[in-house]
N, C-alpha and C. Protein backbone atom coordinates (compact mmCIF):
# COMPACT_ATOMS: atom_id res chain seq x y z
N MET A 1 21.93 43.45 -44.08
CA MET A 1 21.45 43.37 -42.68
C MET A 1 20.00 43.72 -42.71
N ALA A 2 19.28 43.01 -41.98
CA ALA A 2 17.89 43.29 -41.72
C ALA A 2 17.37 43.21 -40.20
N ILE A 3 16.37 44.05 -40.03
CA ILE A 3 15.77 43.99 -38.63
C ILE A 3 14.29 43.63 -38.78
N ALA A 4 13.91 42.62 -37.99
CA ALA A 4 12.52 42.09 -38.07
C ALA A 4 11.83 42.35 -36.83
N ASP A 5 10.56 42.39 -36.73
CA ASP A 5 9.72 42.59 -35.62
C ASP A 5 9.49 41.22 -34.97
N ARG A 6 8.69 41.24 -33.90
CA ARG A 6 8.50 39.94 -33.08
C ARG A 6 7.86 38.89 -33.92
N SER A 7 7.13 39.18 -34.97
CA SER A 7 6.47 38.12 -35.85
C SER A 7 7.40 37.79 -36.94
N GLY A 8 8.52 38.33 -37.13
CA GLY A 8 9.43 37.97 -38.18
C GLY A 8 9.21 38.81 -39.45
N LEU A 9 8.45 39.93 -39.48
CA LEU A 9 8.22 40.66 -40.62
C LEU A 9 9.34 41.82 -40.59
N PRO A 10 9.68 42.18 -41.84
CA PRO A 10 10.79 43.07 -41.94
C PRO A 10 10.40 44.53 -41.44
N VAL A 11 11.31 45.20 -40.67
CA VAL A 11 11.20 46.50 -40.15
C VAL A 11 12.22 47.41 -40.83
N ALA A 12 13.41 46.90 -41.17
CA ALA A 12 14.43 47.71 -41.75
C ALA A 12 15.35 46.75 -42.50
N CYS A 13 16.03 47.27 -43.60
CA CYS A 13 17.02 46.43 -44.25
C CYS A 13 18.08 47.40 -44.82
N GLY A 14 19.25 46.87 -45.06
CA GLY A 14 20.37 47.67 -45.66
C GLY A 14 21.37 46.71 -46.22
N ILE A 15 22.23 47.29 -46.98
CA ILE A 15 23.35 46.59 -47.56
C ILE A 15 24.66 47.28 -47.27
N ALA A 16 25.74 46.50 -47.32
CA ALA A 16 27.07 47.13 -47.16
C ALA A 16 28.09 46.09 -47.67
N SER A 17 29.29 46.52 -47.79
CA SER A 17 30.35 45.58 -48.40
C SER A 17 30.65 44.57 -47.15
N ALA A 18 31.43 43.51 -47.46
CA ALA A 18 31.64 42.50 -46.56
C ALA A 18 32.66 42.91 -45.51
N SER A 19 33.39 44.02 -45.69
CA SER A 19 34.52 44.28 -44.79
C SER A 19 34.05 44.88 -43.45
N PRO A 20 33.07 45.73 -43.26
CA PRO A 20 32.77 46.25 -41.96
C PRO A 20 32.03 45.22 -41.05
N HIS A 21 32.35 45.32 -39.73
CA HIS A 21 31.66 44.34 -38.84
C HIS A 21 30.10 44.72 -38.69
N GLU A 22 29.39 43.79 -38.45
CA GLU A 22 27.92 44.08 -38.35
C GLU A 22 27.54 45.09 -37.24
N VAL A 23 28.27 45.13 -36.26
CA VAL A 23 28.04 45.97 -35.12
C VAL A 23 28.07 47.57 -35.65
N THR A 24 28.84 47.77 -36.52
CA THR A 24 29.01 49.15 -37.08
C THR A 24 27.89 49.46 -37.95
N LEU A 25 27.01 48.52 -38.41
CA LEU A 25 25.90 48.80 -39.40
C LEU A 25 24.60 48.89 -38.65
N VAL A 26 24.52 48.66 -37.36
CA VAL A 26 23.29 48.63 -36.65
C VAL A 26 22.60 50.01 -36.74
N GLU A 27 23.31 51.13 -36.38
CA GLU A 27 22.68 52.37 -36.42
C GLU A 27 22.19 52.76 -37.82
N GLU A 28 23.02 52.55 -38.76
CA GLU A 28 22.64 52.80 -40.18
C GLU A 28 21.41 52.17 -40.62
N THR A 29 21.26 50.88 -40.23
CA THR A 29 20.09 50.12 -40.51
C THR A 29 18.86 50.64 -39.75
N LEU A 30 19.02 51.04 -38.46
CA LEU A 30 18.00 51.58 -37.70
C LEU A 30 17.42 52.82 -38.35
N ASP A 31 18.23 53.67 -38.90
CA ASP A 31 18.01 54.86 -39.61
C ASP A 31 17.16 54.63 -40.88
N ALA A 32 17.33 53.51 -41.49
CA ALA A 32 16.64 53.16 -42.70
C ALA A 32 15.42 52.29 -42.59
N ARG A 33 14.82 52.38 -41.32
CA ARG A 33 13.70 51.51 -41.08
C ARG A 33 12.43 52.01 -41.82
N PHE A 34 11.43 51.09 -41.96
CA PHE A 34 10.23 51.38 -42.66
C PHE A 34 9.19 52.12 -41.80
N THR A 35 9.28 52.01 -40.49
CA THR A 35 8.39 52.54 -39.43
C THR A 35 8.99 53.79 -38.93
N LYS A 36 8.11 54.55 -38.20
CA LYS A 36 8.55 55.74 -37.60
C LYS A 36 9.16 55.52 -36.20
N ALA A 37 8.49 54.54 -35.44
CA ALA A 37 9.02 54.31 -34.06
C ALA A 37 10.20 53.36 -34.15
N LEU A 38 11.13 53.57 -33.18
CA LEU A 38 12.25 52.72 -33.00
C LEU A 38 11.81 51.42 -32.28
N PRO A 39 12.34 50.28 -32.53
CA PRO A 39 12.01 49.15 -31.77
C PRO A 39 12.62 49.29 -30.31
N GLU A 40 11.89 48.90 -29.33
CA GLU A 40 12.27 48.89 -28.02
C GLU A 40 13.43 47.98 -27.62
N LYS A 41 13.40 46.82 -28.32
CA LYS A 41 14.48 45.83 -28.05
C LYS A 41 15.03 45.24 -29.34
N LEU A 42 16.25 44.98 -29.42
CA LEU A 42 16.91 44.28 -30.53
C LEU A 42 17.50 43.04 -30.00
N ILE A 43 17.47 41.97 -30.82
CA ILE A 43 17.97 40.74 -30.46
C ILE A 43 19.03 40.43 -31.45
N GLY A 44 20.30 40.09 -31.01
CA GLY A 44 21.35 39.75 -31.91
C GLY A 44 22.18 38.62 -31.43
N ASP A 45 23.08 38.06 -32.23
CA ASP A 45 23.90 37.00 -31.72
C ASP A 45 25.08 37.51 -30.90
N LYS A 46 26.04 36.63 -30.58
CA LYS A 46 27.18 36.97 -29.76
C LYS A 46 28.03 38.08 -30.27
N ALA A 47 28.06 38.26 -31.58
CA ALA A 47 28.80 39.30 -32.11
C ALA A 47 28.34 40.71 -31.81
N TYR A 48 27.02 40.78 -31.38
CA TYR A 48 26.47 42.06 -31.02
C TYR A 48 26.74 42.39 -29.52
N ASP A 49 27.37 41.56 -28.81
CA ASP A 49 27.71 41.83 -27.35
C ASP A 49 28.83 42.88 -27.33
N SER A 50 28.51 44.11 -27.32
CA SER A 50 29.52 45.17 -27.33
C SER A 50 29.10 46.32 -26.44
N ASN A 51 29.93 46.74 -25.56
CA ASN A 51 29.58 47.77 -24.59
C ASN A 51 29.40 49.13 -25.35
N LYS A 52 30.08 49.36 -26.44
CA LYS A 52 29.87 50.58 -27.23
C LYS A 52 28.65 50.63 -27.90
N LEU A 53 28.15 49.42 -28.53
CA LEU A 53 26.88 49.39 -29.20
C LEU A 53 25.82 49.55 -28.15
N ASP A 54 25.86 48.97 -27.04
CA ASP A 54 24.88 49.01 -25.94
C ASP A 54 24.69 50.48 -25.56
N ALA A 55 25.79 51.24 -25.50
CA ALA A 55 25.70 52.71 -24.99
C ALA A 55 25.05 53.51 -26.14
N VAL A 56 25.38 53.25 -27.29
CA VAL A 56 24.80 54.03 -28.41
C VAL A 56 23.38 53.73 -28.53
N LEU A 57 22.93 52.52 -28.39
CA LEU A 57 21.52 52.11 -28.62
C LEU A 57 20.72 52.58 -27.35
N ALA A 58 21.34 52.60 -26.10
CA ALA A 58 20.66 53.16 -25.01
C ALA A 58 20.41 54.60 -25.03
N ARG A 59 21.21 55.35 -25.70
CA ARG A 59 20.95 56.76 -25.89
C ARG A 59 19.70 57.00 -26.83
N ARG A 60 19.45 56.03 -27.67
CA ARG A 60 18.31 56.11 -28.56
C ARG A 60 17.06 55.38 -28.05
N GLY A 61 17.20 54.81 -26.87
CA GLY A 61 15.99 54.19 -26.16
C GLY A 61 15.78 52.78 -26.64
N VAL A 62 16.84 52.13 -27.12
CA VAL A 62 16.71 50.70 -27.61
C VAL A 62 17.61 49.82 -26.70
N GLU A 63 16.99 48.70 -26.28
CA GLU A 63 17.73 47.77 -25.49
C GLU A 63 18.35 46.68 -26.34
N MET A 64 19.64 46.36 -26.26
CA MET A 64 20.24 45.33 -27.07
C MET A 64 20.32 44.04 -26.28
N ILE A 65 19.71 42.97 -26.72
CA ILE A 65 19.77 41.58 -26.12
C ILE A 65 20.66 40.66 -26.87
N ALA A 66 21.83 40.34 -26.35
CA ALA A 66 22.73 39.45 -27.04
C ALA A 66 23.45 38.58 -26.07
N PRO A 67 23.58 37.26 -26.31
CA PRO A 67 24.27 36.37 -25.35
C PRO A 67 25.76 36.83 -25.15
N HIS A 68 26.27 36.39 -24.03
CA HIS A 68 27.68 36.83 -23.67
C HIS A 68 28.65 36.25 -24.56
N ASN A 69 29.55 37.17 -25.12
CA ASN A 69 30.64 36.80 -26.02
C ASN A 69 31.77 36.27 -25.05
N PRO A 70 32.21 35.06 -25.17
CA PRO A 70 33.29 34.53 -24.37
C PRO A 70 34.59 35.16 -24.35
N THR A 71 34.81 35.97 -25.38
CA THR A 71 36.12 36.63 -25.58
C THR A 71 36.11 37.99 -24.72
N HIS A 72 34.97 38.46 -24.19
CA HIS A 72 34.83 39.57 -23.36
C HIS A 72 35.03 39.19 -21.83
N THR A 73 35.75 39.91 -21.07
CA THR A 73 36.06 39.59 -19.70
C THR A 73 34.86 39.85 -18.81
N THR A 74 34.14 40.93 -19.05
CA THR A 74 32.94 41.27 -18.18
C THR A 74 31.63 41.05 -18.75
N LYS A 75 30.72 40.42 -18.07
CA LYS A 75 29.41 40.26 -18.62
C LYS A 75 28.61 41.50 -18.73
N THR A 76 27.94 41.70 -19.79
CA THR A 76 27.07 42.90 -19.87
C THR A 76 25.58 42.71 -19.56
N GLN A 77 25.13 41.42 -19.39
CA GLN A 77 23.86 41.13 -19.03
C GLN A 77 23.79 40.06 -18.05
N ASP A 78 22.72 39.99 -17.15
CA ASP A 78 22.62 39.03 -16.19
C ASP A 78 21.92 37.73 -16.64
N GLY A 79 21.42 37.66 -17.77
CA GLY A 79 20.81 36.54 -18.36
C GLY A 79 19.35 36.53 -18.50
N ARG A 80 18.62 37.30 -17.71
CA ARG A 80 17.12 37.20 -17.65
C ARG A 80 16.55 37.73 -19.04
N PRO A 81 17.02 38.76 -19.71
CA PRO A 81 16.46 39.11 -20.92
C PRO A 81 16.82 38.14 -22.02
N LEU A 82 17.76 37.19 -21.86
CA LEU A 82 18.09 36.18 -22.84
C LEU A 82 17.09 35.25 -23.15
N ARG A 83 16.04 35.18 -22.38
CA ARG A 83 14.86 34.26 -22.71
C ARG A 83 14.27 34.73 -24.02
N ARG A 84 14.42 36.05 -24.43
CA ARG A 84 13.80 36.47 -25.55
C ARG A 84 14.66 36.02 -26.75
N TYR A 85 15.95 35.66 -26.52
CA TYR A 85 16.79 35.17 -27.58
C TYR A 85 16.34 33.91 -28.20
N ARG A 86 15.52 33.15 -27.58
CA ARG A 86 14.95 31.93 -28.14
C ARG A 86 14.14 32.30 -29.33
N ARG A 87 13.60 33.38 -29.47
CA ARG A 87 12.69 33.80 -30.56
C ARG A 87 13.58 34.30 -31.76
N ARG A 88 14.83 34.11 -31.77
CA ARG A 88 15.69 34.56 -32.84
C ARG A 88 15.41 33.84 -34.17
N TRP A 89 14.77 32.65 -34.11
CA TRP A 89 14.47 31.85 -35.33
C TRP A 89 13.62 32.69 -36.17
N LYS A 90 12.83 33.60 -35.68
CA LYS A 90 11.92 34.32 -36.59
C LYS A 90 12.70 35.30 -37.44
N VAL A 91 13.77 35.79 -36.99
CA VAL A 91 14.66 36.58 -37.83
C VAL A 91 15.32 35.76 -38.91
N GLU A 92 15.74 34.57 -38.53
CA GLU A 92 16.33 33.64 -39.51
C GLU A 92 15.30 33.26 -40.50
N ARG A 93 14.08 33.18 -40.13
CA ARG A 93 13.05 32.85 -41.10
C ARG A 93 12.81 33.94 -42.03
N LEU A 94 12.96 35.20 -41.65
CA LEU A 94 12.88 36.30 -42.58
C LEU A 94 14.05 36.30 -43.64
N PHE A 95 15.12 35.86 -43.27
CA PHE A 95 16.25 35.66 -44.18
C PHE A 95 15.93 34.61 -45.20
N ALA A 96 15.27 33.47 -44.78
CA ALA A 96 14.89 32.42 -45.56
C ALA A 96 13.78 32.89 -46.61
N TRP A 97 12.90 33.77 -46.11
CA TRP A 97 11.83 34.33 -47.03
C TRP A 97 12.56 35.15 -48.10
N LEU A 98 13.45 35.94 -47.70
CA LEU A 98 14.06 36.89 -48.59
C LEU A 98 14.92 36.07 -49.64
N LEU A 99 15.54 35.05 -49.32
CA LEU A 99 16.35 34.23 -50.22
C LEU A 99 15.60 33.48 -51.10
N ARG A 100 14.20 33.43 -50.99
CA ARG A 100 13.42 32.71 -52.03
C ARG A 100 13.30 33.57 -53.31
N PHE A 101 13.65 34.89 -53.20
CA PHE A 101 13.55 35.69 -54.37
C PHE A 101 14.90 35.63 -55.12
N ARG A 102 14.85 35.31 -56.34
CA ARG A 102 16.03 34.95 -57.22
C ARG A 102 16.91 36.16 -57.31
N ARG A 103 16.41 37.41 -57.39
CA ARG A 103 17.19 38.54 -57.55
C ARG A 103 18.00 38.86 -56.29
N ILE A 104 17.57 38.42 -55.16
CA ILE A 104 18.21 38.70 -53.88
C ILE A 104 19.03 37.54 -53.51
N HIS A 105 18.76 36.37 -53.78
CA HIS A 105 19.60 35.23 -53.57
C HIS A 105 20.95 35.28 -54.14
N THR A 106 21.00 35.51 -55.48
CA THR A 106 22.30 35.81 -56.01
C THR A 106 22.27 37.24 -56.52
N ARG A 107 23.34 37.90 -56.26
CA ARG A 107 23.32 39.34 -56.60
C ARG A 107 23.84 39.50 -58.10
N TYR A 108 22.80 39.83 -58.89
CA TYR A 108 23.06 40.00 -60.37
C TYR A 108 23.43 41.55 -60.65
N GLU A 109 22.86 42.33 -59.81
CA GLU A 109 23.11 43.84 -60.15
C GLU A 109 24.58 44.26 -59.96
N HIS A 110 25.04 45.10 -60.76
CA HIS A 110 26.37 45.64 -60.48
C HIS A 110 26.28 46.84 -59.59
N LYS A 111 25.22 47.56 -59.53
CA LYS A 111 25.11 48.83 -58.66
C LYS A 111 24.42 48.47 -57.29
N ALA A 112 24.99 48.93 -56.26
CA ALA A 112 24.45 48.57 -55.01
C ALA A 112 23.04 49.17 -54.88
N GLN A 113 22.73 50.27 -55.44
CA GLN A 113 21.47 50.86 -55.23
C GLN A 113 20.36 49.97 -55.88
N ASN A 114 20.73 49.42 -57.01
CA ASN A 114 19.67 48.52 -57.65
C ASN A 114 19.40 47.28 -56.81
N PHE A 115 20.38 46.72 -56.19
CA PHE A 115 20.19 45.57 -55.35
C PHE A 115 19.54 46.02 -54.01
N LEU A 116 19.70 47.17 -53.51
CA LEU A 116 18.98 47.59 -52.31
C LEU A 116 17.54 47.86 -52.68
N THR A 117 17.26 48.24 -53.79
CA THR A 117 15.78 48.39 -54.24
C THR A 117 15.16 47.18 -54.40
N PHE A 118 15.81 46.07 -54.96
CA PHE A 118 15.23 44.77 -55.00
C PHE A 118 15.02 44.10 -53.65
N LEU A 119 15.94 44.35 -52.82
CA LEU A 119 15.73 44.03 -51.35
C LEU A 119 14.59 44.58 -50.66
N LYS A 120 14.41 45.83 -50.83
CA LYS A 120 13.28 46.46 -50.25
C LYS A 120 11.93 46.07 -50.97
N PHE A 121 11.98 45.81 -52.15
CA PHE A 121 10.87 45.30 -52.88
C PHE A 121 10.48 43.84 -52.36
N GLY A 122 11.50 43.11 -52.12
CA GLY A 122 11.17 41.83 -51.50
C GLY A 122 10.65 41.84 -50.05
N CYS A 123 11.04 42.87 -49.34
CA CYS A 123 10.47 43.09 -47.95
C CYS A 123 8.99 43.58 -48.15
N LEU A 124 8.75 44.32 -49.17
CA LEU A 124 7.44 44.81 -49.43
C LEU A 124 6.45 43.71 -49.78
N VAL A 125 6.97 42.75 -50.57
CA VAL A 125 6.15 41.55 -50.98
C VAL A 125 5.81 40.74 -49.72
N ILE A 126 6.92 40.58 -48.90
CA ILE A 126 6.67 39.67 -47.60
C ILE A 126 5.56 40.36 -46.78
N LEU A 127 5.70 41.75 -46.73
CA LEU A 127 4.70 42.42 -45.86
C LEU A 127 3.35 42.33 -46.48
N LEU A 128 3.18 42.43 -47.79
CA LEU A 128 1.86 42.29 -48.42
C LEU A 128 1.29 40.92 -48.23
N ARG A 129 2.08 39.86 -48.24
CA ARG A 129 1.59 38.50 -48.12
C ARG A 129 1.04 38.31 -46.85
N GLN A 130 1.44 39.09 -45.74
CA GLN A 130 0.95 38.89 -44.40
C GLN A 130 -0.40 39.62 -44.13
N LEU A 131 -0.90 40.34 -45.12
CA LEU A 131 -2.14 41.15 -44.92
C LEU A 131 -3.31 40.22 -45.05
């Protein structure tokens, strides 16, 4: 899981097994961010449309922007902040940049800590290329 800023540069990254839902990993990834300040807004896909996640992030001062999940009966947003959702391609671009690194594209490491180190190193290389 990765969090990018508005220009598509990495702000935080983390790894987990495939079994937990991404919504449960948001707080953990925010705690592992590279910057001191929390982002004001997070943009996610329909899977992030959760009242519980919205409440947790609101306590931390972060606004979650996610399109309405059709399986939920009540809408959590009125649609105006969803204009920012159009910029989600920048997050997908970050994943494309990360997958250009061979050690990240295919996980060769047996230990999770080693893989996380290479993932953070890949984020560092991306940040240094933008200087």
